[in-house]
Structures are given as C-alpha cells and as structure tokens.
Amino acid sequence: MHRPWSNLRTRVFPDHWSLLFGQIAFYSFVMIVLSGVVLTAYYEPSVDHVVYDGPYVPLQGVGMSRALDSVMAITFEVRGGLLIRQIHHWSTLIMVAAITLHLLRLFFTGGFRRPRRLNWLVVFGLLIVTLGAALTGTSLPDDMASGMSLAVLDGVLQATPLVGTAIAAVLFGGDFPGNVIAWFYPLHIVVLPAVLIALFVAAAVLALKRQPAQPTGPGRTEDNVVGRPARVAAVKGIGLFCFVAGVVTLMAATATINPVWLYGPADPANASAGVGPAWYLAFLDGSLRLAPGWEFVLWGKTFTVAILLPVGICTLFLALVAAYPFIEERLTRDRKHHHLLERPRHNPTRTGIGVAGMTFYGVLWAAAGADTMALLFHMSVNALIHVFQILLILGPPAAFVITRRICLGLQASDAQIAAHGIETGQVVRLPSGGYIENHRPVDPYRRWRLMSGSPQNRAVTATRDAEHEPAE
C-alpha cells in the first residue's frame, strides 16, 4: 500500500528561500509549546482577589487577581521566568508573521492552484487559529492592557444585534468582566494547540502526498522536481530550527515585551491611553475606528452601523481570502494541475488583487494607531480618521491599477532585454551617420529565466500542445 512517506528517503525537495516561511512558523510553534509548558506549571487561572506582596515595590499592597499575581511571580520570582514569558510572546509574533508571509507567497506565486487548493485552506486555518490562540493568550495575565482588549470585545458583542448580548453573557459568565479566564485558559492550552497540531500534520501529509511546487528554473518542468535530497533538507531544517530558537531567545533576552508590571491590574472602571491591540489584530480595531457612527431602528430594535459595518466587512474580507483559489479557478476556467510557481509579474491581475488586498488591510491596520499618530504629529484625530476613510475607499483600486501597470511594464522590459540584450551605455556612430547603442547579449540561462512563464511563452506552449493533440 502506497503511503505519502513511503518514498521519503528518495524524495527531492525544492530549495528556495521563500519556501522557508512555513518551516519558521512550525519551529516558532515548537518554541511556543516548550515555553508554554513551563509557564503552565506556575500560572494560576483564577480571578480571585488577592493583595500583591511580591518584590515589585510599585505594586505592593495593590489588589489584583490571582492570575496577575502568578504572572508577577513568574516575572520576578521564578528563575528565568521573565525570559520564558518573553520567549513565549516573541515566538507568537514570529509565528503569526511567518504564516502571513507564507500565505502571501502562495498567493502571489499561484501556489494555491490545483492540486493544492486544500493546502491553501489549511494554511488559512492555521492563521485564523493562531490569531485565536494569541487573543486568548494575551487575555490570561489579566492586566490593564488585556482588560481593555476584553472591554472592547464586550462592547462589540453587546452592540451586535440579536445574538450579541447572549454571546457576551456566555463568554463572560454574566456581566463583564466575569470570569472569562475560565473559558480562555483551556482554549489556550489545550483546544487551540491541538487544532494547530492537527493542521500542521495535515499540511505535512498534503505536502508529502503531492509533488512539491517549485519556482521556475533551469531543467524544471511540471513533471519533475529539482532540489535537494531528503537528508540534506532534514539537516537544513535542524539548522533552521536552531537559528529560529537562537533569534527568539536573543530577542527575549534583549527586548522587553508585554511589561504587565507597568500596566497594573485590570479595572473595568479605568482605561489607559496609548494601549492598543497586538499588531496582528490591529486591523479589527482600525475598522471600528473608521466606521461611521450611524444608527437606524428596525423591528423596534436599534442597529448601529459602527459595529455592523466593521464586523461585516472584516468577515467578508477573510471569507474572500479563504475562497480565492476557487473563485480564480471558476473565473479563469483553469483546472489543470500546476507544479511550477509563477513570477508575480506574469499574472498582473492576480498580483494587482493581492496588492489591493494588502492596501485594504494596511489602511485598517494603520488606522488603529490614529490617536497615537495624531499626538506625535500634532494633527487632528478627526482629520486623520477622514484621511484613512478616503484611503480605504480609493487606495485598493489605485493599488490594483498601479500594480497591474508595473507588472505589464516589467513584462515588456523582460521581453526587450531577452530580444535585444542588455544596454551598455556605449553609443556608436554608424557609417551612414546614425547612432545606435551597443547591447550586450544575454546568456541563455538569463534569457530563459526572463521569458519562462511569460504570457508569450504560455501562448506558444498552448499552441504547440493544441497542434500535437491527437484528433478524435
């Protein structure tokens, strides 16, 4: 019986730097699990009230939850506790960034096309579950920063029509703040990690089951794989894990992150200026800031656009990202299996859509810091919000048009270089009196690389295939 791993020793794996993002995400997850096991031994998931009497003098005598008290003990009383906490936090940030970059690489190179549509959904699921794990994890210390995030979440849920109040009551166990840690703690340490492990296993099985996708290059076709043997790839993987672990440890040892001792305990009656969500969730906060504060009454209930619009738009955006491979396949009617990745310039429309989506996300992400920007640059917050609202509407279409034109220009430039050579800057006079510029001939490898995957080559290949098809 053939299994995905039966020919693992003889398999060849493509070797390209852009293919490492998925491995970095997994190795960061390993660091998260290892540091999380240590933190679990000391953390107490309880909202019972205690008075802090630890070594951190500014908070001595201050009332707080037992959860925050245990975090303070990990930070200042457990040997290496602060280092472990920061390894856990930095690893999370690197994991989110690596998965995001991996998803972008798949999009811009067409790595989601048949037979890898399921791979796209698995990677997208990894991103969503990781965001959920990060959200539940940042709420566990029960400090002022996490308390404010939960207050925003409660406000959004309460303002959601029909079901919001019931969901908030279930989540917080009654009125806010309730005992949300009782829900988030098992989710964070058991449920979501188990889902992530299952998704990583699914991604590995799918990768082994199918022929690896590889960038275009000499000798690479849809029917072969050019790369390194499995044993070499394994050694490089071990080296990459050591590198990721070293970088994370260095960052944790030198750069402070999430200093809960400066924020103090969570208090529903107080708010702290300048505290915002983590960068990977900032687009949700930005969408709330940019939504107009309109309201309307329907069926005797008041509906607010300030909540419905951000929730609806962000949900639609994420749904479109998940469904994009199926949408493109239906529109292009391309149902062939593809094992060669495309250069982004060779598919201007898809690249333009990707940059437009990044612009949309970027405007929402930047809008989350509008108040801080206004303070730093001495601007009006309302004026800055209006600027972001205009950018949110006009930015994505403009990014699409500009990116598409750039891709077409790069295609034309590649075709010209392949046909006429590289400009040398040397101008010579002809016997007839005219002037021409000398061009250095392009070597066969670069000419192949410039034209491989271009629309002109695809058209020629399609014509040849049609000519050689047997008549029915």
Protein backbone atom coordinates (compact mmCIF):
# COMPACT_ATOMS: atom_id res chain seq x y z
CA MET A 1 0.00 0.00 0.00
CA HIS A 2 1.45 3.37 -1.03
CA ARG A 3 1.72 5.95 1.73
CA PRO A 4 2.82 9.61 1.49
CA TRP A 5 6.02 8.88 3.44
CA SER A 6 6.92 5.54 1.83
CA ASN A 7 9.35 7.13 -0.66
CA LEU A 8 10.56 9.86 1.69
CA ARG A 9 14.23 8.83 1.52
CA THR A 10 14.27 9.18 -2.26
CA ARG A 11 12.22 12.37 -2.40
CA VAL A 12 13.73 15.64 -3.65
CA PHE A 13 12.64 18.92 -2.09
CA PRO A 14 12.84 22.34 -3.81
CA ASP A 15 15.40 24.69 -2.33
CA HIS A 16 14.36 28.36 -2.28
CA TRP A 17 14.40 30.95 0.49
CA SER A 18 10.71 31.78 0.10
CA LEU A 19 9.81 28.17 0.92
CA LEU A 20 11.15 28.53 4.48
CA PHE A 21 8.28 30.59 5.91
CA GLY A 22 6.19 27.52 6.66
CA GLN A 23 9.09 25.87 8.49
CA ILE A 24 9.74 29.03 10.51
CA ALA A 25 6.07 29.06 11.56
CA PHE A 26 6.29 25.44 12.74
CA TYR A 27 9.56 25.95 14.62
CA SER A 28 8.10 29.03 16.31
CA PHE A 29 5.14 26.90 17.35
CA VAL A 30 7.56 24.39 18.89
CA MET A 31 9.12 27.21 20.92
CA ILE A 32 5.64 28.35 21.99
CA VAL A 33 4.75 24.85 23.20
CA LEU A 34 8.02 24.36 25.10
CA SER A 35 7.82 27.74 26.85
CA GLY A 36 4.08 27.31 27.43
CA VAL A 37 4.61 24.05 29.30
CA VAL A 38 6.95 25.85 31.71
CA LEU A 39 4.53 28.75 32.20
CA THR A 40 1.62 26.40 32.85
CA ALA A 41 3.44 24.99 35.88
CA TYR A 42 3.37 28.40 37.63
CA TYR A 43 0.32 30.19 36.23
CA GLU A 44 -2.96 30.19 38.22
CA PRO A 45 -6.08 30.72 36.06
CA SER A 46 -8.17 32.37 38.77
CA VAL A 47 -9.84 35.78 39.13
CA ASP A 48 -9.98 35.51 42.93
CA HIS A 49 -8.93 38.78 44.56
CA VAL A 50 -5.54 38.94 46.34
CA VAL A 51 -3.25 41.70 47.57
CA TYR A 52 0.14 41.76 45.93
CA ASP A 53 3.08 41.44 48.36
CA GLY A 54 5.83 40.41 45.95
CA PRO A 55 9.22 42.02 45.31
CA TYR A 56 7.99 44.61 42.78
CA VAL A 57 7.63 47.63 45.09
CA PRO A 58 5.35 49.91 42.97
CA LEU A 59 2.52 47.35 43.09
CA GLN A 60 2.91 46.21 46.72
CA GLY A 61 -0.40 46.45 48.54
CA VAL A 62 -2.40 46.72 45.27
CA GLY A 63 -5.37 44.43 44.82
CA MET A 64 -5.31 42.17 41.77
CA SER A 65 -6.48 38.80 40.54
CA ARG A 66 -4.62 35.64 41.42
CA ALA A 67 -3.88 35.25 37.70
CA LEU A 68 -1.93 38.52 37.55
CA ASP A 69 -0.28 37.75 40.89
CA SER A 70 1.03 34.46 39.45
CA VAL A 71 2.29 36.25 36.32
CA MET A 72 4.12 38.75 38.55
CA ALA A 73 5.64 35.83 40.47
CA ILE A 74 6.79 34.21 37.22
CA THR A 75 8.34 37.50 36.14
CA PHE A 76 10.20 38.46 39.32
CA GLU A 77 10.47 35.35 41.50
CA VAL A 78 10.91 32.35 39.18
CA ARG A 79 14.47 31.99 37.90
CA GLY A 80 14.40 32.69 34.18
CA GLY A 81 10.66 33.33 34.33
CA LEU A 82 10.75 36.64 32.52
CA LEU A 83 12.90 35.12 29.77
CA ILE A 84 10.41 32.24 29.31
CA ARG A 85 7.47 34.66 29.22
CA GLN A 86 9.13 36.77 26.57
CA ILE A 87 10.19 33.73 24.52
CA HIS A 88 6.54 32.70 24.53
CA HIS A 89 5.39 36.13 23.39
CA TRP A 90 8.05 36.75 20.75
CA SER A 91 7.56 33.24 19.32
CA THR A 92 3.87 34.01 18.89
CA LEU A 93 4.62 37.19 16.95
CA ILE A 94 7.12 35.41 14.70
CA MET A 95 4.68 32.57 14.08
CA VAL A 96 1.89 34.93 13.01
CA ALA A 97 4.28 36.84 10.75
CA ALA A 98 5.67 33.64 9.19
CA ILE A 99 2.22 32.22 8.44
CA THR A 100 1.14 35.54 6.93
CA LEU A 101 4.23 35.66 4.70
CA HIS A 102 3.70 32.00 3.74
CA LEU A 103 0.11 32.77 2.73
CA LEU A 104 1.25 35.79 0.69
CA ARG A 105 3.91 33.68 -1.04
CA LEU A 106 1.31 31.08 -2.01
CA PHE A 107 -0.96 33.80 -3.34
CA PHE A 108 1.50 35.78 -5.45
CA THR A 109 3.20 32.69 -6.93
CA GLY A 110 -0.03 30.79 -7.63
CA GLY A 111 0.87 28.06 -5.16
CA PHE A 112 -2.82 27.59 -4.34
CA ARG A 113 -3.82 26.25 -7.77
CA ARG A 114 -4.79 22.64 -8.37
CA PRO A 115 -3.89 20.27 -6.83
CA ARG A 116 -3.11 22.46 -3.78
CA ARG A 117 -6.39 24.22 -3.05
CA LEU A 118 -6.76 22.23 0.16
CA ASN A 119 -3.23 23.32 1.20
CA TRP A 120 -4.39 26.94 0.95
CA LEU A 121 -7.34 26.27 3.25
CA VAL A 122 -5.07 24.51 5.77
CA VAL A 123 -2.65 27.47 5.86
CA PHE A 124 -5.54 29.90 6.16
CA GLY A 125 -6.92 27.81 9.01
CA LEU A 126 -3.50 27.93 10.69
CA LEU A 127 -3.59 31.74 10.53
CA ILE A 128 -7.10 32.04 11.98
CA VAL A 129 -6.49 29.52 14.78
CA THR A 130 -3.15 31.18 15.63
CA LEU A 131 -4.91 34.55 15.90
CA GLY A 132 -7.45 32.94 18.23
CA ALA A 133 -4.70 31.41 20.35
CA ALA A 134 -2.90 34.76 20.51
CA LEU A 135 -6.08 36.58 21.54
CA THR A 136 -6.85 34.12 24.33
CA GLY A 137 -3.22 34.14 25.47
CA THR A 138 -2.93 37.93 25.76
CA SER A 139 -6.04 37.95 27.96
CA LEU A 140 -4.70 35.49 30.54
CA PRO A 141 -2.40 37.89 32.52
CA ASP A 142 -5.50 39.94 33.50
CA ASP A 143 -3.55 43.22 33.38
CA MET A 144 -4.80 46.63 32.24
CA ALA A 145 -3.86 46.05 28.58
CA SER A 146 -5.65 42.72 28.31
CA GLY A 147 -8.57 44.08 30.33
CA MET A 148 -9.04 46.90 27.83
CA SER A 149 -8.98 44.45 24.92
CA LEU A 150 -11.69 42.39 26.60
CA ALA A 151 -13.70 45.56 27.25
CA VAL A 152 -13.59 46.37 23.53
CA LEU A 153 -14.61 42.79 22.73
CA ASP A 154 -17.52 43.03 25.18
CA GLY A 155 -18.65 46.32 23.62
CA VAL A 156 -18.56 44.85 20.11
CA LEU A 157 -20.53 41.80 21.21
CA GLN A 158 -23.08 43.83 23.13
CA ALA A 159 -23.67 46.05 20.09
CA THR A 160 -24.12 43.11 17.72
CA PRO A 161 -27.86 42.80 17.01
CA LEU A 162 -29.97 39.82 18.02
CA VAL A 163 -27.27 37.46 19.32
CA GLY A 164 -24.56 39.75 20.72
CA THR A 165 -25.89 40.06 24.26
CA ALA A 166 -26.35 36.30 24.63
CA ILE A 167 -22.84 35.58 23.30
CA ALA A 168 -21.31 38.14 25.69
CA ALA A 169 -23.19 36.62 28.63
CA VAL A 170 -21.94 33.13 27.78
CA LEU A 171 -18.36 34.30 27.16
CA PHE A 172 -18.01 36.34 30.35
CA GLY A 173 -20.25 34.17 32.51
CA GLY A 174 -22.68 37.01 33.13
CA ASP A 175 -21.86 40.70 33.35
CA PHE A 176 -18.43 41.94 32.24
CA PRO A 177 -15.71 41.23 33.30
CA GLY A 178 -16.97 37.99 34.77
CA ASN A 179 -14.61 35.02 34.68
CA VAL A 180 -13.50 34.92 31.07
CA ILE A 181 -10.22 33.27 32.09
CA ALA A 182 -12.17 30.10 32.91
CA TRP A 183 -13.10 29.90 29.21
CA PHE A 184 -9.91 31.19 27.64
CA TYR A 185 -7.42 29.11 29.67
CA PRO A 186 -8.49 25.62 28.45
CA LEU A 187 -8.92 27.02 24.95
CA HIS A 188 -5.41 28.44 25.01
CA ILE A 189 -3.50 25.50 26.47
CA VAL A 190 -5.48 22.50 25.14
CA VAL A 191 -8.06 23.07 22.43
CA LEU A 192 -6.36 25.55 20.11
CA PRO A 193 -2.88 23.92 20.35
CA ALA A 194 -4.48 20.57 19.49
CA VAL A 195 -6.14 22.13 16.44
CA LEU A 196 -2.83 23.71 15.40
CA ILE A 197 -1.02 20.37 15.69
CA ALA A 198 -3.73 18.72 13.56
CA LEU A 199 -3.40 21.45 10.92
CA PHE A 200 0.40 21.18 10.84
CA VAL A 201 0.12 17.40 10.43
CA ALA A 202 -2.44 17.88 7.65
CA ALA A 203 -0.14 20.37 5.91
CA ALA A 204 2.80 17.93 6.14
CA VAL A 205 0.76 14.99 4.81
CA LEU A 206 -0.57 17.06 1.90
CA ALA A 207 2.95 18.27 1.09
CA LEU A 208 4.29 14.69 1.04
CA LYS A 209 1.33 13.30 -0.86
CA ARG A 210 1.73 15.62 -3.84
CA GLN A 211 4.65 16.62 -5.99
CA PRO A 212 6.24 19.74 -4.43
CA ALA A 213 5.59 23.05 -6.13
CA GLN A 214 8.82 24.72 -7.21
CA PRO A 215 9.86 28.08 -8.68
CA THR A 216 10.68 28.18 -12.35
CA GLY A 217 14.32 27.46 -13.18
CA PRO A 218 16.66 25.54 -15.48
CA GLY A 219 15.54 21.98 -16.04
CA ARG A 220 12.34 22.42 -14.03
CA THR A 221 9.10 21.30 -15.61
CA GLU A 222 5.61 20.38 -14.49
CA ASP A 223 6.72 16.73 -14.37
CA ASN A 224 9.96 16.84 -12.35
CA VAL A 225 11.40 18.33 -9.17
CA VAL A 226 14.83 19.94 -8.93
CA GLY A 227 16.16 20.37 -5.42
CA ARG A 228 17.94 18.71 -2.52
CA PRO A 229 17.60 15.13 -1.21
CA ALA A 230 15.53 14.50 1.89
CA ARG A 231 18.55 14.01 4.16
CA VAL A 232 20.01 17.37 3.12
CA ALA A 233 16.63 19.05 3.61
CA ALA A 234 16.40 17.47 7.09
CA VAL A 235 19.84 18.76 8.11
CA LYS A 236 18.96 22.23 6.85
CA GLY A 237 15.68 22.02 8.78
CA ILE A 238 17.52 21.26 12.01
CA GLY A 239 19.83 24.17 11.37
CA LEU A 240 16.87 26.47 10.69
CA PHE A 241 15.24 25.38 13.96
CA CYS A 242 18.42 26.21 15.88
CA PHE A 243 18.55 29.58 14.13
CA VAL A 244 14.89 30.37 14.96
CA ALA A 245 15.39 29.30 18.59
CA GLY A 246 18.53 31.43 18.86
CA VAL A 247 16.90 34.53 17.36
CA VAL A 248 13.83 34.19 19.57
CA THR A 249 15.96 33.73 22.68
CA LEU A 250 18.12 36.72 21.76
CA MET A 251 15.05 38.89 21.23
CA ALA A 252 13.52 37.72 24.50
CA ALA A 253 16.74 38.46 26.38
CA THR A 254 17.26 41.95 24.97
CA ALA A 255 13.85 43.41 24.06
CA THR A 256 11.10 43.81 26.65
CA ILE A 257 7.59 42.94 25.50
CA ASN A 258 4.25 42.98 27.35
CA PRO A 259 5.54 44.51 30.63
CA VAL A 260 2.44 43.75 32.72
CA TRP A 261 4.06 45.27 35.82
CA LEU A 262 3.86 48.70 34.18
CA TYR A 263 0.19 48.32 33.23
CA GLY A 264 -1.10 47.16 36.60
CA PRO A 265 -4.21 45.08 37.26
CA ALA A 266 -7.26 45.18 35.01
CA ASP A 267 -10.02 47.54 36.12
CA PRO A 268 -13.30 47.88 34.17
CA ALA A 269 -13.70 51.43 35.50
CA ASN A 270 -10.33 52.66 34.15
CA ALA A 271 -8.73 52.92 30.74
CA SER A 272 -5.13 53.51 29.72
CA ALA A 273 -4.22 55.87 26.88
CA GLY A 274 -1.96 54.56 24.14
CA VAL A 275 -2.77 50.90 24.75
CA GLY A 276 -3.90 49.13 21.60
CA PRO A 277 -4.29 45.59 20.28
CA ALA A 278 -1.38 43.49 19.08
CA TRP A 279 -0.25 44.32 15.53
CA TYR A 280 -1.85 41.22 14.03
CA LEU A 281 -5.30 42.21 15.40
CA ALA A 282 -4.95 45.95 14.81
CA PHE A 283 -6.96 45.79 11.56
CA LEU A 284 -10.06 44.87 13.59
CA ASP A 285 -9.60 47.89 15.84
CA GLY A 286 -8.93 50.10 12.81
CA SER A 287 -12.18 49.01 11.17
CA LEU A 288 -14.09 50.08 14.30
CA ARG A 289 -12.42 53.50 14.24
CA LEU A 290 -13.20 54.15 10.58
CA ALA A 291 -16.85 53.07 10.63
CA PRO A 292 -19.36 55.98 10.67
CA GLY A 293 -21.46 56.26 13.81
CA TRP A 294 -24.82 55.87 12.08
CA GLU A 295 -27.80 54.13 13.65
CA PHE A 296 -31.22 53.02 12.45
CA VAL A 297 -34.26 51.41 14.06
CA LEU A 298 -35.75 48.23 12.59
CA TRP A 299 -38.39 45.96 14.14
CA GLY A 300 -38.24 48.05 17.26
CA LYS A 301 -34.50 47.47 17.72
CA THR A 302 -31.64 49.92 17.26
CA PHE A 303 -28.92 48.82 14.86
CA THR A 304 -25.57 50.62 14.77
CA VAL A 305 -23.53 50.78 11.58
CA ALA A 306 -20.41 51.41 13.70
CA ILE A 307 -20.47 47.70 14.62
CA LEU A 308 -22.33 46.00 11.78
CA LEU A 309 -20.14 47.51 9.03
CA PRO A 310 -16.72 46.61 10.53
CA VAL A 311 -17.81 43.10 11.50
CA GLY A 312 -19.41 42.50 8.10
CA ILE A 313 -16.52 43.92 6.06
CA CYS A 314 -13.78 42.09 8.01
CA THR A 315 -15.73 38.82 7.84
CA LEU A 316 -16.27 39.25 4.09
CA PHE A 317 -12.59 40.08 3.57
CA LEU A 318 -11.43 36.93 5.38
CA ALA A 319 -14.04 34.83 3.55
CA LEU A 320 -12.80 36.11 0.18
CA VAL A 321 -9.22 35.29 1.15
CA ALA A 322 -10.22 31.72 2.04
CA ALA A 323 -12.30 31.22 -1.12
CA TYR A 324 -9.97 32.96 -3.59
CA PRO A 325 -8.48 29.78 -5.16
CA PHE A 326 -11.97 28.56 -6.04
CA ILE A 327 -13.04 31.98 -7.32
CA GLU A 328 -10.00 32.31 -9.60
CA GLU A 329 -10.39 28.78 -10.92
CA ARG A 330 -14.02 29.41 -11.78
CA LEU A 331 -13.31 32.74 -13.50
CA THR A 332 -10.25 31.55 -15.45
CA ARG A 333 -11.58 28.03 -16.09
CA ASP A 334 -8.08 26.74 -15.34
CA ARG A 335 -8.47 23.24 -13.93
CA LYS A 336 -5.03 21.91 -14.83
CA HIS A 337 -2.54 20.71 -12.24
CA HIS A 338 0.29 23.19 -11.73
CA HIS A 339 3.61 22.25 -10.13
CA LEU A 340 5.59 25.30 -11.28
CA LEU A 341 5.14 28.54 -9.40
CA GLU A 342 4.58 31.78 -11.29
CA ARG A 343 6.51 35.02 -11.05
CA PRO A 344 4.10 37.70 -9.78
CA ARG A 345 4.73 39.91 -12.82
CA HIS A 346 3.48 37.17 -15.14
CA ASN A 347 -0.03 37.36 -13.67
CA PRO A 348 -0.71 41.12 -13.38
CA THR A 349 -4.37 40.77 -12.45
CA ARG A 350 -3.78 38.41 -9.53
CA THR A 351 -0.82 40.48 -8.32
CA GLY A 352 -2.92 43.64 -8.52
CA ILE A 353 -5.68 41.99 -6.50
CA GLY A 354 -3.14 40.90 -3.90
CA VAL A 355 -1.64 44.38 -3.52
CA ALA A 356 -5.13 45.88 -3.35
CA GLY A 357 -5.97 43.48 -0.51
CA MET A 358 -2.74 44.35 1.26
CA THR A 359 -3.56 48.06 0.88
CA PHE A 360 -7.04 47.50 2.33
CA TYR A 361 -5.58 45.61 5.28
CA GLY A 362 -2.77 48.16 5.70
CA VAL A 363 -5.14 51.12 5.90
CA LEU A 364 -7.22 49.38 8.58
CA TRP A 365 -4.03 48.40 10.40
CA ALA A 366 -2.66 51.95 10.35
CA ALA A 367 -6.00 53.43 11.42
CA ALA A 368 -5.73 51.54 14.72
CA GLY A 369 -2.92 53.94 15.67
CA ALA A 370 -4.64 57.12 14.51
CA ASP A 371 -4.73 58.60 18.01
CA THR A 372 -1.02 57.97 18.58
CA MET A 373 -0.16 59.38 15.13
CA ALA A 374 -2.23 62.49 15.82
CA LEU A 375 -0.40 63.03 19.10
CA LEU A 376 3.07 62.53 17.62
CA PHE A 377 2.50 64.67 14.51
CA HIS A 378 0.29 67.31 16.22
CA MET A 379 -2.68 66.58 13.96
CA SER A 380 -6.41 66.43 14.49
CA VAL A 381 -7.64 62.90 15.20
CA ASN A 382 -10.86 63.54 13.25
CA ALA A 383 -8.91 64.83 10.23
CA LEU A 384 -6.66 61.79 10.32
CA ILE A 385 -9.66 59.46 10.53
CA HIS A 386 -11.18 61.15 7.46
CA VAL A 387 -7.90 60.68 5.57
CA PHE A 388 -7.90 56.97 6.40
CA GLN A 389 -11.56 56.67 5.34
CA ILE A 390 -10.72 58.17 1.95
CA LEU A 391 -7.67 55.90 1.61
CA LEU A 392 -9.79 52.86 2.47
CA ILE A 393 -12.12 53.61 -0.45
CA LEU A 394 -9.66 54.90 -3.05
CA GLY A 395 -6.48 53.10 -2.01
CA PRO A 396 -7.25 49.49 -3.10
CA PRO A 397 -8.47 50.39 -6.63
CA ALA A 398 -5.49 52.69 -7.13
CA ALA A 399 -3.11 49.99 -5.86
CA PHE A 400 -4.66 47.47 -8.27
CA VAL A 401 -4.27 49.73 -11.33
CA ILE A 402 -0.72 50.83 -10.45
CA THR A 403 0.47 47.31 -9.64
CA ARG A 404 -1.01 45.90 -12.83
CA ARG A 405 0.69 48.57 -14.92
CA ILE A 406 4.00 47.89 -13.18
CA CYS A 407 3.71 44.16 -13.90
CA LEU A 408 2.94 44.80 -17.58
CA GLY A 409 5.90 47.20 -17.76
CA LEU A 410 8.19 44.58 -16.20
CA GLN A 411 6.99 42.00 -18.73
CA ALA A 412 7.76 44.37 -21.60
CA SER A 413 11.16 45.16 -20.14
CA ASP A 414 12.00 41.45 -19.77
CA ALA A 415 10.92 40.75 -23.35
CA GLN A 416 13.03 43.63 -24.65
CA ILE A 417 16.12 42.51 -22.74
CA ALA A 418 15.66 38.93 -23.92
CA ALA A 419 15.32 40.07 -27.54
CA HIS A 420 17.90 42.85 -27.77
CA GLY A 421 20.30 42.26 -24.86
CA ILE A 422 21.40 44.49 -22.00
CA GLU A 423 22.10 48.17 -22.53
CA THR A 424 25.80 49.02 -22.15
CA GLY A 425 25.58 52.80 -22.30
CA GLN A 426 28.02 52.84 -25.25
CA VAL A 427 26.73 54.82 -28.23
CA VAL A 428 28.48 54.32 -31.58
CA ARG A 429 28.14 56.13 -34.87
CA LEU A 430 27.20 54.17 -37.98
CA PRO A 431 28.90 54.73 -41.35
CA SER A 432 25.61 56.16 -42.57
CA GLY A 433 25.76 58.87 -39.88
CA GLY A 434 23.20 57.42 -37.48
CA TYR A 435 23.80 56.46 -33.87
CA ILE A 436 22.97 53.24 -32.06
CA GLU A 437 23.61 51.89 -28.56
CA ASN A 438 25.59 48.70 -28.09
CA HIS A 439 23.75 45.88 -26.31
CA ARG A 440 25.47 43.04 -24.51
CA PRO A 441 23.97 39.66 -25.47
CA VAL A 442 22.03 37.87 -22.75
CA ASP A 443 23.27 34.43 -21.79
CA PRO A 444 20.85 31.55 -22.48
CA TYR A 445 20.10 30.98 -18.79
CA ARG A 446 19.01 34.56 -18.15
CA ARG A 447 17.03 34.69 -21.38
CA TRP A 448 15.20 31.54 -20.34
CA ARG A 449 14.57 32.97 -16.88
CA LEU A 450 13.25 36.25 -18.26
CA MET A 451 10.79 34.57 -20.59
CA SER A 452 9.89 31.45 -18.60
CA GLY A 453 6.26 31.64 -17.53
CA SER A 454 5.59 34.82 -19.51
CA PRO A 455 2.25 35.16 -21.31
CA GLN A 456 4.04 34.96 -24.67
CA ASN A 457 5.66 31.63 -23.79
CA ARG A 458 2.39 30.26 -22.39
CA ALA A 459 0.64 31.16 -25.63
CA VAL A 460 3.33 29.42 -27.69
CA THR A 461 3.20 26.33 -25.43
CA ALA A 462 -0.58 26.17 -25.66
CA THR A 463 -0.40 26.40 -29.46
CA ARG A 464 2.16 23.58 -29.61
CA ASP A 465 0.06 21.41 -27.31
CA ALA A 466 -3.01 22.00 -29.49
CA GLU A 467 -1.07 21.13 -32.64
CA HIS A 468 0.18 17.84 -31.14
CA GLU A 469 -3.19 16.75 -29.71
CA PRO A 470 -4.43 13.57 -31.39
CA ALA A 471 -7.61 14.02 -33.41
CA GLU A 472 -10.70 12.34 -32.06
